[in-house]
Protein backbone atom coordinates (compact mmCIF):
# COMPACT_ATOMS: atom_id res chain seq x y z
CA MET A 1 -76.16 -29.29 45.60
CA SER A 2 -72.51 -28.13 45.30
CA SER A 3 -73.49 -25.23 43.01
CA ARG A 4 -75.94 -24.12 45.67
CA LYS A 5 -73.17 -24.28 48.28
CA GLY A 6 -70.96 -22.07 46.08
CA GLY A 7 -73.88 -19.71 45.52
CA VAL A 8 -74.23 -19.20 49.28
CA LEU A 9 -70.51 -19.18 50.02
CA PHE A 10 -69.63 -16.27 47.71
CA PRO A 11 -72.16 -13.80 49.21
CA LEU A 12 -71.11 -14.91 52.69
CA LEU A 13 -67.41 -14.30 51.91
CA LEU A 14 -68.30 -10.95 50.36
CA LEU A 15 -70.22 -9.99 53.50
CA VAL A 16 -67.27 -10.94 55.71
CA LEU A 17 -64.91 -8.89 53.52
CA VAL A 18 -67.19 -5.83 53.60
CA CYS A 19 -67.56 -6.07 57.38
CA HIS A 20 -63.79 -6.37 57.76
CA VAL A 21 -63.18 -3.29 55.60
CA PHE A 22 -65.72 -1.28 57.61
CA SER A 23 -64.20 -2.43 60.90
CA LEU A 24 -60.76 -1.25 59.72
CA ALA A 25 -62.17 2.15 58.76
CA SER A 26 -63.99 2.40 62.08
CA ALA A 27 -60.85 1.60 64.03
CA SER A 28 -58.96 4.35 62.21
CA ASP A 29 -61.87 6.73 62.62
CA ALA A 30 -61.86 5.88 66.32
CA ASP A 31 -58.13 6.66 66.44
CA ILE A 32 -58.75 10.11 64.96
CA GLN A 33 -61.62 10.68 67.39
CA LYS A 34 -59.44 9.63 70.33
CA ALA A 35 -56.47 11.79 69.29
CA CYS A 36 -58.71 14.79 68.65
CA ALA A 37 -60.61 14.41 71.92
CA ALA A 38 -57.47 15.56 73.74
CA THR A 39 -57.32 18.85 71.80
CA ASP A 40 -58.95 22.22 72.49
CA PHE A 41 -60.90 21.95 69.22
CA PRO A 42 -61.98 18.28 68.99
CA ALA A 43 -64.72 18.73 66.37
CA ASP A 44 -62.50 20.91 64.19
CA CYS A 45 -59.61 18.49 64.61
CA VAL A 46 -61.73 15.58 63.40
CA ALA A 47 -63.03 17.64 60.47
CA PHE A 48 -59.49 18.73 59.53
CA LEU A 49 -58.01 15.24 59.65
CA LYS A 50 -60.79 13.02 58.30
CA GLY A 51 -60.81 14.66 54.91
CA GLU A 52 -57.08 14.33 54.34
CA PRO A 53 -55.55 11.51 52.30
CA GLY A 54 -53.82 8.95 54.49
CA SER A 55 -55.46 10.08 57.72
CA LEU A 56 -57.51 6.92 58.20
CA GLU A 57 -54.34 4.82 57.99
CA ALA A 58 -52.14 7.19 60.03
CA ASP A 59 -50.88 6.65 63.54
CA LEU A 60 -50.64 9.57 65.98
CA ARG A 61 -47.32 10.69 64.50
CA GLY A 62 -48.87 10.66 61.03
CA LEU A 63 -51.90 12.62 62.24
CA ALA A 64 -49.64 15.28 63.77
CA LYS A 65 -47.77 15.57 60.47
CA ILE A 66 -51.04 15.83 58.54
CA ALA A 67 -52.17 18.64 60.87
CA LEU A 68 -48.86 20.42 60.31
CA HIS A 69 -49.13 20.04 56.53
CA LEU A 70 -52.66 21.49 56.68
CA SER A 71 -51.30 24.33 58.77
CA GLN A 72 -48.48 24.88 56.30
CA ARG A 73 -50.88 24.96 53.36
CA ASN A 74 -53.19 27.44 55.10
CA ALA A 75 -50.27 29.66 56.14
CA SER A 76 -48.90 29.68 52.59
CA ASP A 77 -52.33 30.54 51.19
CA THR A 78 -52.81 33.30 53.78
CA PHE A 79 -49.39 34.78 53.05
CA ALA A 80 -50.08 34.74 49.30
CA ALA A 81 -53.49 36.36 49.82
CA MET A 82 -51.89 39.07 51.97
CA GLY A 83 -49.42 39.88 49.25
CA ASN A 84 -52.15 40.01 46.62
CA LEU A 85 -54.54 42.08 48.74
CA ALA A 86 -52.02 44.45 50.31
CA PRO A 87 -52.09 47.09 47.54
CA VAL A 88 -55.90 47.14 47.49
CA ILE A 89 -56.25 47.15 51.27
CA LEU A 90 -53.65 49.87 51.73
CA HIS A 91 -55.35 52.00 49.09
CA LEU A 92 -58.65 51.71 50.98
CA ASP A 93 -57.18 52.29 54.45
CA PRO A 94 -53.54 53.40 54.76
CA ARG A 95 -53.70 52.85 58.55
CA LEU A 96 -53.45 49.12 57.82
CA ARG A 97 -49.88 49.55 56.56
CA VAL A 98 -48.22 48.86 59.94
CA PRO A 99 -50.19 45.79 61.04
CA LEU A 100 -50.31 44.31 57.55
CA GLY A 101 -46.59 44.92 57.11
CA PHE A 102 -45.95 43.17 60.43
CA CYS A 103 -48.03 40.17 59.36
CA LEU A 104 -46.30 40.03 55.99
CA GLN A 105 -43.00 39.71 57.86
CA ILE A 106 -44.18 37.28 60.51
CA TYR A 107 -45.81 34.69 58.23
CA PRO A 108 -42.74 33.55 56.27
CA GLY A 109 -40.15 34.12 59.01
CA GLY A 110 -42.21 33.01 61.97
CA VAL A 111 -45.25 30.97 61.08
CA LEU A 112 -43.96 28.94 58.14
CA ASP A 113 -40.51 28.47 59.70
CA SER A 114 -42.11 27.19 62.92
CA ILE A 115 -44.20 24.68 60.99
CA GLN A 116 -41.14 23.47 59.06
CA THR A 117 -39.21 23.07 62.32
CA ALA A 118 -42.11 21.09 63.83
CA LEU A 119 -42.29 18.77 60.81
CA LYS A 120 -38.55 18.07 60.96
CA ALA A 121 -38.73 17.54 64.73
CA ILE A 122 -41.45 14.90 64.30
CA ASP A 123 -39.33 13.13 61.69
CA ASP A 124 -36.39 13.25 64.13
CA GLY A 125 -38.52 11.99 67.04
CA ASP A 126 -38.08 15.24 68.99
CA PHE A 127 -41.73 15.62 69.98
CA ASN A 128 -41.04 18.31 72.57
CA LEU A 129 -39.50 20.54 69.89
CA ALA A 130 -42.38 19.66 67.55
CA SER A 131 -45.01 20.77 70.06
CA THR A 132 -43.05 23.90 71.02
CA SER A 133 -42.63 24.89 67.36
CA ALA A 134 -46.31 24.27 66.56
CA ALA A 135 -47.25 26.39 69.59
CA ALA A 136 -44.92 29.15 68.36
CA CYS A 137 -46.74 29.08 65.03
CA GLY A 138 -50.03 29.87 66.79
CA SER A 139 -48.42 32.54 68.96
CA ARG A 140 -47.01 34.35 65.96
CA VAL A 141 -50.39 34.38 64.23
CA THR A 142 -51.94 35.72 67.44
CA ASP A 143 -49.30 38.47 67.44
CA CYS A 144 -50.33 39.34 63.89
CA GLU A 145 -53.96 39.72 64.96
CA LYS A 146 -52.98 41.75 68.06
CA THR A 147 -51.36 44.43 65.92
CA PHE A 148 -54.70 45.14 64.27
CA LYS A 149 -56.51 45.13 67.60
CA GLU A 150 -53.97 47.45 69.25
CA MET A 151 -54.51 49.97 66.47
CA GLN A 152 -58.29 49.53 66.81
CA LEU A 153 -58.57 48.22 63.27
CA THR A 154 -60.50 45.31 61.85
CA SER A 155 -58.16 42.64 60.59
CA PRO A 156 -58.72 41.66 56.96
CA LEU A 157 -57.00 38.38 57.91
CA LYS A 158 -59.22 37.47 60.86
CA GLN A 159 -60.89 34.44 59.29
CA GLN A 160 -57.66 32.95 57.90
CA ASP A 161 -55.76 33.73 61.10
CA CYS A 162 -58.41 32.07 63.29
CA LEU A 163 -58.19 28.95 61.14
CA GLN A 164 -54.39 29.10 61.32
CA ILE A 165 -54.45 29.35 65.11
CA LYS A 166 -56.75 26.31 65.32
CA LEU A 167 -54.54 24.31 62.96
CA CYS A 168 -51.39 25.21 64.91
CA THR A 169 -53.10 24.41 68.21
CA VAL A 170 -54.31 21.02 66.98
CA ALA A 171 -50.85 20.19 65.60
CA CYS A 172 -49.25 21.24 68.89
CA GLU A 173 -51.64 19.16 70.98
CA LEU A 174 -51.16 16.08 68.80
CA ALA A 175 -47.38 16.49 69.13
CA VAL A 176 -47.76 16.81 72.92
CA GLN A 177 -49.53 13.44 72.92
CA LEU A 178 -46.53 11.96 71.11
CA ASP A 179 -44.25 13.23 73.87
CA HIS A 180 -46.09 11.21 76.54
């Protein structure tokens, strides 16, 4: 009889453990959903954050930092792609020299610096500065896109810049939540 009791007890304990693990994941998933619901791009925010290591265990501060790190990675990739594509693009259409040159200047000195400032501000607990810096990141990318539009040119960076603007916006809005 006691071996039968042990045979039932183990599966029952295993079931309790599995349910507990799933409830922990659901709570964290719910936290991401809640934080992202307050952003302009809730579905994108959830998609950005859920796939990142540590996001299911992160609090709001951690989620804001993850969004900023994603933004930083995308900005670095975009800047590198610009540098690699510039000679080819300029050969095809020399009119792109001015807007592309502007974007090549604004990404390291404006976009990446703003993200770095926002990350440091979160570490320091200055959430107002974090949200302002993340917003500045998005504004600078918008300025980059405007230079193409003003010259009536199609931006070769449009897709990357749109993603960058969303990432900066999400990071900003998560930082704003920290400030309240």
